[in-house]
Structures are given as C-alpha cells and as structure tokens.
Amino acid sequence: MCEAAGDDGGCGADAAPARRRRAPALSHPRPCVKCGQGSAALVIRLGDAFCRGCFREYFVHKFRAMLGKNRVIFPGEKVLLALSGGPASSAMLRQVQEGLSRETAKRLRFVPGLIYVDEGAVRGQSAAQREQSLARMKTLLQATGFPYHLAHLEQALELPASILRPGLGGSGEPGPSYKEAVEGFIQQQRQEGDGDGGTSLPGLGTRDTPAGPPAAPHLPAAAQTQELLRLFEAVETPTAREELLQMLRTHLILQTARTRGYAKVMTGESCTRVAVKLLTNLALGRGAFLAVDTGFVDNRHGDVMVVRPMREYMAKEIVFYNHFFDVPTVIAPPLPTKRREKPSIHRLMERFLLGLQEDFPSTISTVYRTGEKLSPAPAKASSESQRCLLCLCALDIAGEEELALEPTLITEEPEPAGDGAESRAAFIPLLCYSCRLTFKELGPLATLPPYVRAEAQRRIRRAQMKQQSREVPLEEEEPSES
C-alpha cells in the first residue's frame, strides 16, 4: 500500500494539473531574448519572448529567408499575389510592400500584382454585403500602388477548357539559373540608366485597373449568380462543397495569371493552414499529392508556378504582427451549412488540430515538419491520359483492388440526356481517387461548370480515337492472312 503523501507527488497527488502546464505569473515583464533590453511584448513559443522591434525583424527575416532559400522567383518576373483579405494574405502583402520600398536595404526584385476573388455569392452574403466587402478590398488594393484585379467567382463558369491543361514552360528545357538571372537583370538595369542607381523595377508604374477614387463595385448579372448557386446547391456534402470552391478559386486565379502574363502566384497559406490541409487531404485520399498540395512550390500547372512563402508562420505570429503594426484585413464568412456539429472534413480536422495545439504546443509544427519530408514525384504525370481532369495530378490507379478504387467505379444509372460522353461513368476514368469521391457528390452533370464538361468530352473523344486507331490495323491484316 502506497503511503506517499499527496504533496510529495505520490498516489494521493492530484494528477489533473499535469496535463496542461502553465508558466507561473511573473510580477515583472520578461526581457526580450534577442536584444535583452526591451520588455517582451509576446511569447511565440516556450522561451521565445520578443519585444516589438525584434519581433518585426524576426517576422521580416523569415519571409525574406524563405524566398532566398528556395530561389524560384527570378528578378523582373511578374508575380501575382492571391489575396483573400484574411490575416495571412494581408501580412504577406505587407511584407511585399516593405520589401519593395526604397528604404529597404536589399529590395525584392520581382514585379507584383494583386488579385481578389469575390466569393460572397456562395458564402451567404447579400448583394449589399458583397458590395461593401468589394469596396473595402478595392480601397486596400488601390492604396498599395500595385496593379490589381477584382474577380468574381461567377466568372469561373466562363473559363475556357484549356485551364484544365498544363501550360507550356514547366516541362520544357531548363531556363537560366538564379545567379544568371540576377546578373542579367542587373546588367539590364545598368544599360537602361535608371536614375535611382539601376534598382527600379519595370511594370510598377502601370496598372491593370485605373487609378483614382474607388468607384462603386458592380456585381455579376443575377443569372450568373443563380447558376453558381445551383451548382453549389446540387453538391451533396459540405466537404465536396469546400473542394469545389477551392477548385473554382484556383482555376480563376490561374486564368488571370495566364492572361496577364504572371509567371508565379503567391498564396498566403500559413503553417497552421498547411498542417490542417495536410491532414485533411490525407483523409480525402490525396496522400500521394501532399507534397504539391502543401509544399512551397506547386508546379503542376506548367507555365504558372504557385508558391507559398507564408507556410512557416504560425497563425499566432501572423495575428500578433497584424495587431502590432496595424495591418488591415477583411474577413469573409465561412460557407453556410446546416450541420454545425460536423460541417465538413476540413472543419473537423481544423478543430482537431487546434484543440491538440492548446494542450500540446508542438502539434502543428510537428505535422508541418512531417510534410516537409514528402516527395512531389508521385504527383507528376507523363502524359494527358495519366493526368487527373480536375486536380492535374497523376492518376493513382495502379493496383485498383489494393487502393480500394473499385467501389468508386460503381456509379448511379446514366442520365437519360446526352451520349456516352455525358454519362457519369465516362468521367470516372479521368479522375484520381480523391477527385472520384468528390465527383460523386457534385450532383447532376448539367450543373457542373461548362469548362469541366467540355474538357472531359474532348479527352473522352480523344481516347476513343486512339482506341479505334489501334483496332483498325488488326482488322486490315485479317484478309491478307487468310
């Protein structure tokens, strides 16, 4: 029988407080761990207390180090910043603004542009609320002095079918190295003889949207909004609705980048968001594509590369930075749902990780570091027939029985209208495992975006023509043999 007293940590001790350890309250402020002089304004991690000045230097250095370490954005390139108005993308915009200012010692050398996609129609906002949000975003975008583009999610229904094909450039011959690009850029600036010592960037003086006071934003036609709402209302589950919204947003941003000549797209996904996305995509059956879905570089589109420079920032760091240095944000409401307990796999995984993070502060960073070890090789496709129609990743169909793909091949009865190209069963071979699960919950084919149906029909007809060309020589050889 144990006779240890509770105060000595024996069996009688209360073990409940050991689950969550709290630092004892200090009567005096903690010093900054970097400069040792100023008082700490926040504690990022256990033992990492920073004053405001040192925290700002730490925040800026992490952003510049991420770009310098990877070296995928070359001098003079046009880079499109995808902004949602949230904390992470707003902090990313502020970093680019400060990196391009004349007071910065080592200025960024790319030419930025901004894009904001209005998703108010599917997020339950009224027309007045959408106009108010658009007016606020337009004011913020104009204040930056960068070229900007305002897009509406309804415009995704008018995208061309070519958006589902990788552009030329990502699979061609390798271009010049980063060092060669920097040397060529400096020589070009010297030849142009700029008055500021050859450090000005071309393209910053031009705008895709006229300058001046922000005009009243106009919304798309009511017919387009109703068509978009019918598409989302036909989706059966909140998880598929989240995936559909992400797909339309990505394709709309990609089309803007292609038509406006942007070589790179920056997104503001934080470390917290990357960790949530990593586990979410794993639950959705996208384990083979985690490296491109969450990595710093996503080059599946060929001519346009997606980069995530904010992926090493915790959500806590971003929130404090925006609060300390007055970074404006515009928060959009989430997708409406009737299931508050379990709205979608995305929300479930987010609650799960954030709940663990409260008791175990290393949870998100551990998940993030685990994803760093993944290779993007499984997502690469060598030909169009091996590429998924929706996500453009490789078709993970090797060994269908082992991967449990066979149940996804069983679909509902074909819809009466249309030929074989319009049947749901004809779409299944064009999709990867995860997209097959999502496709089965997207509703009738008539509600799908027209560009998806057009590209699917083109690929189906092309596959049929290849199959016929293989069978014709066999039929011609039979009479000669007899």
Protein backbone atom coordinates (compact mmCIF):
# COMPACT_ATOMS: atom_id res chain seq x y z
CA MET A 1 0.00 0.00 0.00
CA CYS A 2 1.41 3.36 -1.00
CA GLU A 3 1.77 5.76 1.89
CA ALA A 4 3.25 8.69 -0.05
CA ALA A 5 1.58 11.93 0.77
CA GLY A 6 -0.18 13.89 -1.90
CA ASP A 7 2.15 16.86 -1.52
CA ASP A 8 5.17 14.65 -2.28
CA GLY A 9 3.83 13.61 -5.67
CA GLY A 10 2.67 10.12 -4.64
CA CYS A 11 -0.57 8.34 -5.38
CA GLY A 12 -2.54 10.89 -3.43
CA ALA A 13 -1.40 13.77 -5.58
CA ASP A 14 -3.85 15.38 -7.93
CA ALA A 15 -2.68 14.46 -11.44
CA ALA A 16 -5.12 16.68 -13.32
CA PRO A 17 -2.99 19.85 -13.48
CA ALA A 18 -0.08 17.91 -15.06
CA ARG A 19 -1.93 17.72 -18.40
CA ARG A 20 -1.55 21.42 -19.13
CA ARG A 21 1.43 23.22 -17.74
CA ARG A 22 1.18 26.94 -17.33
CA ALA A 23 4.09 29.24 -16.74
CA PRO A 24 3.86 30.97 -13.37
CA ALA A 25 2.74 34.54 -13.45
CA LEU A 26 5.67 36.94 -13.20
CA SER A 27 5.50 40.17 -11.28
CA HIS A 28 7.95 41.82 -13.68
CA PRO A 29 7.94 41.73 -17.52
CA ARG A 30 10.21 39.25 -19.25
CA PRO A 31 13.16 40.62 -21.23
CA CYS A 32 13.47 40.12 -24.98
CA VAL A 33 15.50 37.02 -25.80
CA LYS A 34 17.13 38.74 -28.79
CA CYS A 35 18.17 42.20 -27.66
CA GLY A 36 17.91 41.62 -23.89
CA GLN A 37 16.96 45.25 -23.33
CA GLY A 38 13.33 45.78 -24.23
CA SER A 39 10.40 44.20 -22.44
CA ALA A 40 8.81 41.23 -24.15
CA ALA A 41 5.57 42.06 -25.95
CA LEU A 42 4.67 38.46 -26.80
CA VAL A 43 5.86 34.90 -26.35
CA ILE A 44 5.84 32.97 -29.63
CA ARG A 45 6.93 29.63 -28.25
CA LEU A 46 8.06 28.48 -24.84
CA GLY A 47 11.07 30.63 -24.04
CA ASP A 48 10.84 32.79 -27.20
CA ALA A 49 9.86 36.21 -25.86
CA PHE A 50 10.26 39.16 -28.24
CA CYS A 51 9.85 42.88 -27.96
CA ARG A 52 8.03 44.62 -30.80
CA GLY A 53 11.13 45.72 -32.65
CA CYS A 54 12.83 42.34 -32.54
CA PHE A 55 9.60 40.57 -33.42
CA ARG A 56 9.27 42.70 -36.52
CA GLU A 57 12.84 41.92 -37.57
CA TYR A 58 12.20 38.22 -36.94
CA PHE A 59 9.00 38.30 -39.00
CA VAL A 60 10.56 40.13 -41.95
CA HIS A 61 13.69 37.96 -41.91
CA LYS A 62 11.66 34.76 -42.06
CA PHE A 63 9.80 35.96 -45.17
CA ARG A 64 12.96 37.09 -46.95
CA ALA A 65 14.80 33.92 -45.95
CA MET A 66 12.03 31.73 -47.35
CA LEU A 67 12.27 33.43 -50.75
CA GLY A 68 16.07 33.50 -50.71
CA LYS A 69 16.42 29.87 -49.71
CA ASN A 70 14.21 28.49 -52.48
CA ARG A 71 15.20 30.93 -55.25
CA VAL A 72 12.28 30.24 -57.55
CA ILE A 73 11.23 33.87 -58.10
CA PHE A 74 13.65 35.48 -60.56
CA PRO A 75 14.35 39.22 -60.80
CA GLY A 76 11.96 41.07 -63.07
CA GLU A 77 9.31 38.33 -63.02
CA LYS A 78 5.66 39.23 -62.66
CA VAL A 79 4.21 37.67 -59.51
CA LEU A 80 0.50 37.60 -58.74
CA LEU A 81 -0.40 37.82 -55.05
CA ALA A 82 -3.66 35.98 -54.32
CA LEU A 83 -5.39 37.89 -51.52
CA SER A 84 -8.42 36.77 -49.57
CA GLY A 85 -8.40 39.68 -47.13
CA GLY A 86 -7.57 37.34 -44.25
CA PRO A 87 -4.71 37.72 -41.77
CA ALA A 88 -2.14 35.57 -43.62
CA SER A 89 -2.56 37.06 -47.09
CA SER A 90 -2.71 40.60 -45.67
CA ALA A 91 0.56 40.02 -43.79
CA MET A 92 2.08 38.64 -46.99
CA LEU A 93 1.08 41.80 -48.86
CA ARG A 94 2.67 43.96 -46.17
CA GLN A 95 5.93 42.00 -46.48
CA VAL A 96 6.00 42.57 -50.23
CA GLN A 97 5.26 46.26 -49.78
CA GLU A 98 8.10 46.70 -47.32
CA GLY A 99 10.44 44.58 -49.44
CA LEU A 100 9.88 46.85 -52.44
CA SER A 101 10.18 50.15 -50.57
CA ARG A 102 13.20 52.36 -51.22
CA GLU A 103 14.20 52.29 -47.55
CA THR A 104 14.82 48.53 -47.64
CA ALA A 105 18.49 47.54 -47.76
CA LYS A 106 18.01 44.55 -50.08
CA ARG A 107 14.92 45.15 -52.12
CA LEU A 108 12.80 42.47 -53.70
CA ARG A 109 13.26 42.43 -57.46
CA PHE A 110 10.00 40.97 -58.79
CA VAL A 111 7.03 42.90 -60.16
CA PRO A 112 3.92 42.28 -58.02
CA GLY A 113 0.27 42.25 -58.95
CA LEU A 114 -2.78 41.59 -56.78
CA ILE A 115 -5.96 39.60 -57.25
CA TYR A 116 -9.01 39.29 -55.03
CA VAL A 117 -11.77 36.77 -55.76
CA ASP A 118 -15.23 37.72 -54.51
CA GLU A 119 -16.91 34.60 -53.10
CA GLY A 120 -19.81 36.33 -51.37
CA ALA A 121 -22.46 34.64 -53.52
CA VAL A 122 -21.69 31.16 -52.12
CA ARG A 123 -20.85 32.41 -48.63
CA GLY A 124 -24.37 33.64 -47.94
CA GLN A 125 -23.74 37.36 -48.35
CA SER A 126 -26.41 39.66 -49.70
CA ALA A 127 -25.79 41.99 -52.62
CA ALA A 128 -25.29 44.94 -50.26
CA GLN A 129 -22.79 43.00 -48.15
CA ARG A 130 -20.87 41.93 -51.23
CA GLU A 131 -20.66 45.50 -52.49
CA GLN A 132 -19.44 46.66 -49.09
CA SER A 133 -16.72 43.99 -48.95
CA LEU A 134 -15.67 44.74 -52.52
CA ALA A 135 -15.45 48.46 -51.79
CA ARG A 136 -13.23 47.82 -48.76
CA MET A 137 -10.95 45.48 -50.68
CA LYS A 138 -10.72 47.87 -53.62
CA THR A 139 -9.67 50.67 -51.29
CA LEU A 140 -6.97 48.47 -49.74
CA LEU A 141 -5.71 47.30 -53.12
CA GLN A 142 -5.53 50.80 -54.56
CA ALA A 143 -3.61 52.03 -51.52
CA THR A 144 -0.75 49.63 -52.34
CA GLY A 145 0.00 51.21 -55.70
CA PHE A 146 0.31 47.78 -57.33
CA PRO A 147 -1.71 46.56 -60.34
CA TYR A 148 -4.75 44.72 -59.08
CA HIS A 149 -7.58 42.59 -60.40
CA LEU A 150 -11.03 42.13 -58.89
CA ALA A 151 -12.68 38.86 -59.91
CA HIS A 152 -16.00 37.24 -59.05
CA LEU A 153 -16.47 33.53 -58.51
CA GLU A 154 -19.24 33.60 -61.11
CA GLN A 155 -16.58 34.23 -63.75
CA ALA A 156 -15.23 30.72 -63.15
CA LEU A 157 -18.24 29.35 -65.03
CA GLU A 158 -16.98 31.08 -68.19
CA LEU A 159 -13.42 29.76 -68.06
CA PRO A 160 -12.02 28.03 -71.17
CA ALA A 161 -11.44 24.28 -71.16
CA SER A 162 -7.71 24.89 -71.59
CA ILE A 163 -7.49 25.83 -67.90
CA LEU A 164 -7.54 22.09 -67.17
CA ARG A 165 -4.42 21.51 -69.25
CA PRO A 166 -0.91 22.32 -68.04
CA GLY A 167 0.64 25.17 -69.95
CA LEU A 168 3.90 25.02 -71.84
CA GLY A 169 7.01 26.03 -69.97
CA GLY A 170 7.07 23.83 -66.89
CA SER A 171 8.13 20.69 -68.80
CA GLY A 172 10.39 22.31 -71.38
CA GLU A 173 14.11 22.89 -71.33
CA PRO A 174 15.54 24.29 -68.11
CA GLY A 175 15.92 28.05 -68.10
CA PRO A 176 18.79 30.11 -66.76
CA SER A 177 19.92 29.64 -63.19
CA TYR A 178 19.03 32.09 -60.46
CA LYS A 179 22.53 33.55 -60.45
CA GLU A 180 22.46 34.09 -64.22
CA ALA A 181 19.04 35.71 -63.96
CA VAL A 182 20.27 38.13 -61.27
CA GLU A 183 23.34 39.09 -63.30
CA GLY A 184 21.27 39.62 -66.42
CA PHE A 185 18.77 41.73 -64.50
CA ILE A 186 21.50 43.96 -63.05
CA GLN A 187 23.08 44.43 -66.47
CA GLN A 188 19.74 45.34 -67.98
CA GLN A 189 19.11 47.92 -65.28
CA ARG A 190 22.54 49.45 -65.81
CA GLN A 191 22.00 49.67 -69.55
CA GLU A 192 18.68 51.40 -69.07
CA GLY A 193 20.49 54.01 -66.92
CA ASP A 194 17.82 54.48 -64.28
CA GLY A 195 18.24 57.50 -62.08
CA ASP A 196 17.96 55.50 -58.87
CA GLY A 197 21.11 53.51 -59.49
CA GLY A 198 19.53 50.74 -61.51
CA THR A 199 17.23 49.39 -58.82
CA SER A 200 13.83 50.38 -60.16
CA LEU A 201 11.50 47.66 -61.33
CA PRO A 202 9.66 47.71 -64.64
CA GLY A 203 5.91 47.46 -64.57
CA LEU A 204 5.21 49.12 -61.23
CA GLY A 205 4.09 52.30 -62.88
CA THR A 206 1.42 50.57 -64.98
CA ARG A 207 -1.95 49.47 -63.72
CA ASP A 208 -4.40 46.89 -64.97
CA THR A 209 -7.10 48.82 -63.14
CA PRO A 210 -7.27 52.62 -63.49
CA ALA A 211 -6.12 54.68 -60.54
CA GLY A 212 -8.26 57.23 -58.76
CA PRO A 213 -11.01 57.11 -56.16
CA PRO A 214 -12.68 53.70 -55.92
CA ALA A 215 -15.86 53.54 -57.94
CA ALA A 216 -18.92 51.65 -56.83
CA PRO A 217 -18.20 47.95 -57.48
CA HIS A 218 -20.59 46.23 -59.82
CA LEU A 219 -21.73 42.66 -59.23
CA PRO A 220 -22.22 40.00 -61.91
CA ALA A 221 -25.58 39.51 -63.54
CA ALA A 222 -28.27 37.83 -61.47
CA ALA A 223 -28.46 34.93 -63.96
CA GLN A 224 -24.78 34.11 -63.42
CA THR A 225 -25.18 34.23 -59.65
CA GLN A 226 -28.18 31.90 -59.81
CA GLU A 227 -26.26 29.45 -61.99
CA LEU A 228 -23.41 29.42 -59.48
CA LEU A 229 -25.82 28.90 -56.59
CA ARG A 230 -27.47 25.98 -58.41
CA LEU A 231 -24.05 24.40 -58.81
CA PHE A 232 -23.32 24.61 -55.08
CA GLU A 233 -26.83 23.66 -54.00
CA ALA A 234 -26.59 20.46 -56.04
CA VAL A 235 -23.50 19.36 -54.09
CA GLU A 236 -24.46 16.71 -51.57
CA THR A 237 -21.91 17.19 -48.76
CA PRO A 238 -20.13 20.19 -47.18
CA THR A 239 -16.78 18.50 -47.82
CA ALA A 240 -17.39 18.36 -51.57
CA ARG A 241 -18.61 21.96 -51.45
CA GLU A 242 -15.32 23.07 -49.90
CA GLU A 243 -13.37 21.17 -52.55
CA LEU A 244 -15.46 22.69 -55.35
CA LEU A 245 -14.92 26.21 -54.03
CA GLN A 246 -11.18 25.66 -53.81
CA MET A 247 -11.07 24.29 -57.37
CA LEU A 248 -13.02 27.20 -58.88
CA ARG A 249 -10.94 29.76 -56.99
CA THR A 250 -7.66 28.16 -58.11
CA HIS A 251 -8.72 27.95 -61.74
CA LEU A 252 -9.90 31.57 -61.76
CA ILE A 253 -6.61 32.80 -60.29
CA LEU A 254 -4.65 30.63 -62.73
CA GLN A 255 -6.55 32.00 -65.71
CA THR A 256 -5.88 35.58 -64.57
CA ALA A 257 -2.18 34.81 -64.22
CA ARG A 258 -2.02 33.33 -67.71
CA THR A 259 -3.89 36.09 -69.47
CA ARG A 260 -1.98 38.87 -67.65
CA GLY A 261 1.46 37.33 -68.09
CA TYR A 262 2.28 36.37 -64.49
CA ALA A 263 4.84 33.59 -64.10
CA LYS A 264 4.27 32.98 -60.38
CA VAL A 265 1.34 33.09 -57.98
CA MET A 266 1.83 33.72 -54.25
CA THR A 267 -0.71 32.40 -51.78
CA GLY A 268 -0.88 33.24 -48.07
CA GLU A 269 -1.19 29.79 -46.51
CA SER A 270 0.28 29.80 -43.00
CA CYS A 271 1.93 26.91 -41.16
CA THR A 272 -1.31 26.28 -39.30
CA ARG A 273 -3.30 26.18 -42.53
CA VAL A 274 -0.72 23.92 -44.19
CA ALA A 275 -0.87 21.45 -41.29
CA VAL A 276 -4.68 21.39 -41.42
CA LYS A 277 -4.62 20.95 -45.19
CA LEU A 278 -2.08 18.15 -44.93
CA LEU A 279 -4.22 16.02 -42.64
CA THR A 280 -7.41 16.99 -44.47
CA ASN A 281 -6.06 15.89 -47.84
CA LEU A 282 -4.75 12.73 -46.26
CA ALA A 283 -8.29 11.95 -45.06
CA LEU A 284 -9.64 12.78 -48.53
CA GLY A 285 -7.38 10.24 -50.23
CA ARG A 286 -4.78 12.66 -51.58
CA GLY A 287 -1.83 11.14 -49.76
CA ALA A 288 0.23 10.81 -52.96
CA PHE A 289 -0.16 14.53 -53.71
CA LEU A 290 0.54 16.07 -50.30
CA ALA A 291 3.91 17.44 -51.40
CA VAL A 292 2.41 19.60 -54.18
CA ASP A 293 -0.74 20.47 -52.23
CA THR A 294 1.17 21.77 -49.19
CA GLY A 295 4.78 22.34 -50.31
CA PHE A 296 6.47 25.65 -51.03
CA VAL A 297 6.33 25.05 -54.79
CA ASP A 298 3.35 23.73 -56.77
CA ASN A 299 4.36 23.36 -60.41
CA ARG A 300 1.58 21.12 -61.68
CA HIS A 301 0.17 23.86 -63.97
CA GLY A 302 3.34 24.08 -66.06
CA ASP A 303 3.56 27.71 -67.12
CA VAL A 304 2.42 29.20 -63.79
CA MET A 305 4.10 28.20 -60.53
CA VAL A 306 2.29 28.54 -57.20
CA VAL A 307 4.49 29.41 -54.20
CA ARG A 308 3.59 29.61 -50.51
CA PRO A 309 6.01 31.99 -48.76
CA MET A 310 3.93 32.21 -45.54
CA ARG A 311 3.98 28.49 -44.80
CA GLU A 312 6.46 28.76 -41.91
CA TYR A 313 4.44 31.34 -39.96
CA MET A 314 2.17 30.14 -37.18
CA ALA A 315 -1.29 31.69 -37.08
CA LYS A 316 -0.39 33.21 -33.71
CA GLU A 317 2.61 35.04 -35.18
CA ILE A 318 0.53 36.44 -38.04
CA VAL A 319 -2.24 37.67 -35.75
CA PHE A 320 0.20 39.46 -33.45
CA TYR A 321 2.06 41.01 -36.38
CA ASN A 322 -1.17 42.38 -37.87
CA HIS A 323 -2.22 43.69 -34.46
CA PHE A 324 1.08 45.36 -33.58
CA PHE A 325 1.65 47.01 -36.96
CA ASP A 326 -1.95 47.82 -37.98
CA VAL A 327 -2.27 45.55 -40.99
CA PRO A 328 -5.84 45.90 -42.34
CA THR A 329 -7.84 42.74 -43.00
CA VAL A 330 -11.24 41.91 -44.50
CA ILE A 331 -12.71 38.72 -43.06
CA ALA A 332 -15.10 36.68 -45.23
CA PRO A 333 -17.77 34.47 -43.64
CA PRO A 334 -17.44 30.68 -43.93
CA LEU A 335 -19.56 28.56 -46.23
CA PRO A 336 -23.08 28.22 -44.83
CA THR A 337 -24.03 24.79 -43.58
CA LYS A 338 -26.89 23.23 -41.65
CA ARG A 339 -24.61 20.79 -39.82
CA ARG A 340 -22.92 22.75 -37.05
CA GLU A 341 -21.56 19.73 -35.22
CA LYS A 342 -19.72 18.15 -38.17
CA PRO A 343 -19.86 20.58 -41.09
CA SER A 344 -17.05 19.10 -43.23
CA ILE A 345 -13.82 17.14 -43.02
CA HIS A 346 -11.93 20.42 -43.41
CA ARG A 347 -13.60 21.98 -40.34
CA LEU A 348 -13.35 18.77 -38.33
CA MET A 349 -9.63 18.49 -38.96
CA GLU A 350 -9.14 22.16 -38.12
CA ARG A 351 -10.92 21.78 -34.77
CA PHE A 352 -8.98 18.61 -34.04
CA LEU A 353 -5.57 20.16 -34.67
CA LEU A 354 -6.32 23.44 -32.89
CA GLY A 355 -7.65 21.50 -29.92
CA LEU A 356 -4.47 19.48 -29.69
CA GLN A 357 -2.40 22.62 -30.13
CA GLU A 358 -3.86 24.09 -26.94
CA ASP A 359 -2.60 21.21 -24.81
CA PHE A 360 0.46 20.25 -26.87
CA PRO A 361 2.01 23.39 -28.43
CA SER A 362 4.23 21.39 -30.80
CA THR A 363 1.37 19.64 -32.60
CA ILE A 364 1.07 21.88 -35.66
CA SER A 365 4.82 22.30 -36.12
CA THR A 366 5.28 18.51 -35.90
CA VAL A 367 2.67 17.89 -38.58
CA TYR A 368 4.21 20.61 -40.72
CA ARG A 369 7.73 19.21 -40.43
CA THR A 370 6.47 15.74 -41.29
CA GLY A 371 5.01 17.06 -44.52
CA GLU A 372 8.40 18.58 -45.39
CA LYS A 373 9.80 15.08 -45.89
CA LEU A 374 7.34 14.13 -48.65
CA SER A 375 8.37 13.96 -52.30
CA PRO A 376 6.37 15.55 -55.15
CA ALA A 377 7.36 12.76 -57.57
CA PRO A 378 4.14 10.70 -57.22
CA ALA A 379 2.06 13.69 -58.39
CA LYS A 380 3.87 14.07 -61.72
CA ALA A 381 2.13 12.75 -64.83
CA SER A 382 3.98 11.92 -68.03
CA SER A 383 1.02 12.25 -70.42
CA GLU A 384 -2.51 13.59 -70.59
CA SER A 385 -4.06 10.15 -70.24
CA GLN A 386 -2.31 9.76 -66.89
CA ARG A 387 -3.37 13.16 -65.53
CA CYS A 388 -6.45 13.84 -63.40
CA LEU A 389 -9.08 16.00 -65.06
CA LEU A 390 -9.73 18.23 -62.02
CA CYS A 391 -6.53 18.45 -59.95
CA LEU A 392 -4.00 17.83 -62.79
CA CYS A 393 -2.07 15.33 -60.66
CA ALA A 394 -1.16 11.82 -61.73
CA LEU A 395 -3.88 9.18 -61.79
CA ASP A 396 -3.19 6.92 -58.81
CA ILE A 397 -4.85 3.91 -60.43
CA ALA A 398 -2.00 1.39 -60.19
CA GLY A 399 -3.42 -1.64 -58.42
CA GLU A 400 -7.08 -0.62 -58.18
CA GLU A 401 -8.01 -3.51 -55.93
CA GLU A 402 -5.34 -2.65 -53.36
CA LEU A 403 -6.23 1.04 -53.36
CA ALA A 404 -9.96 0.39 -52.91
CA LEU A 405 -10.73 2.23 -56.13
CA GLU A 406 -13.13 -0.38 -57.43
CA PRO A 407 -16.12 0.79 -55.33
CA THR A 408 -15.77 4.28 -56.81
CA LEU A 409 -16.23 2.87 -60.32
CA ILE A 410 -19.81 1.90 -59.46
CA THR A 411 -21.89 4.95 -60.20
CA GLU A 412 -25.56 5.72 -60.46
CA GLU A 413 -27.58 4.95 -63.59
CA PRO A 414 -26.57 7.06 -66.61
CA GLU A 415 -28.57 10.21 -67.07
CA PRO A 416 -31.07 9.99 -69.94
CA ALA A 417 -29.89 13.02 -71.89
CA GLY A 418 -26.69 13.04 -73.93
CA ASP A 419 -24.39 10.45 -75.40
CA GLY A 420 -21.68 8.39 -73.76
CA ALA A 421 -19.53 11.47 -73.19
CA GLU A 422 -22.26 12.93 -70.97
CA SER A 423 -22.65 9.90 -68.72
CA ARG A 424 -21.19 9.98 -65.22
CA ALA A 425 -19.44 6.65 -65.76
CA ALA A 426 -17.40 8.16 -68.60
CA PHE A 427 -15.91 10.75 -66.24
CA ILE A 428 -14.63 8.24 -63.68
CA PRO A 429 -11.51 7.01 -65.59
CA LEU A 430 -10.39 10.63 -65.98
CA LEU A 431 -10.18 11.27 -62.23
CA CYS A 432 -7.83 10.32 -59.42
CA TYR A 433 -9.08 8.52 -56.33
CA SER A 434 -9.80 11.66 -54.32
CA CYS A 435 -11.47 13.51 -57.18
CA ARG A 436 -13.67 10.47 -57.86
CA LEU A 437 -15.02 10.68 -54.34
CA THR A 438 -15.66 14.39 -54.73
CA PHE A 439 -17.16 13.99 -58.20
CA LYS A 440 -19.75 11.51 -56.96
CA GLU A 441 -21.07 14.23 -54.61
CA LEU A 442 -21.16 17.11 -57.10
CA GLY A 443 -24.71 16.46 -58.26
CA PRO A 444 -26.04 16.16 -61.84
CA LEU A 445 -23.74 16.69 -64.79
CA ALA A 446 -25.91 19.54 -66.06
CA THR A 447 -24.89 21.67 -63.08
CA LEU A 448 -21.14 21.17 -63.49
CA PRO A 449 -19.05 24.08 -64.80
CA PRO A 450 -19.16 24.12 -68.63
CA TYR A 451 -15.37 24.11 -68.97
CA VAL A 452 -15.11 20.88 -66.97
CA ARG A 453 -17.65 19.13 -69.17
CA ALA A 454 -16.04 20.46 -72.36
CA GLU A 455 -12.57 19.25 -71.40
CA ALA A 456 -13.94 15.87 -70.30
CA GLN A 457 -15.70 15.40 -73.63
CA ARG A 458 -12.53 16.32 -75.51
CA ARG A 459 -10.44 13.80 -73.58
CA ILE A 460 -13.08 11.08 -73.94
CA ARG A 461 -13.29 11.58 -77.70
CA ARG A 462 -9.51 11.60 -77.96
CA ALA A 463 -9.26 8.34 -76.02
CA GLN A 464 -11.89 6.78 -78.29
CA MET A 465 -10.00 7.84 -81.41
CA LYS A 466 -6.77 6.32 -80.05
CA GLN A 467 -8.58 3.10 -79.30
CA GLN A 468 -10.07 2.97 -82.80
CA SER A 469 -6.68 3.65 -84.40
CA ARG A 470 -5.25 0.66 -82.56
CA GLU A 471 -8.03 -1.66 -83.72
CA VAL A 472 -8.07 -0.70 -87.42
CA PRO A 473 -4.70 -2.27 -88.42
CA LEU A 474 -5.74 -5.56 -86.86
CA GLU A 475 -8.90 -5.70 -88.99
CA GLU A 476 -6.96 -4.91 -92.19
CA GLU A 477 -4.42 -7.70 -91.60
CA GLU A 478 -7.05 -10.48 -91.27
CA PRO A 479 -7.94 -10.85 -95.04
CA SER A 480 -4.25 -10.96 -96.07
CA GLU A 481 -3.51 -13.74 -93.61
CA SER A 482 -6.35 -15.90 -94.93
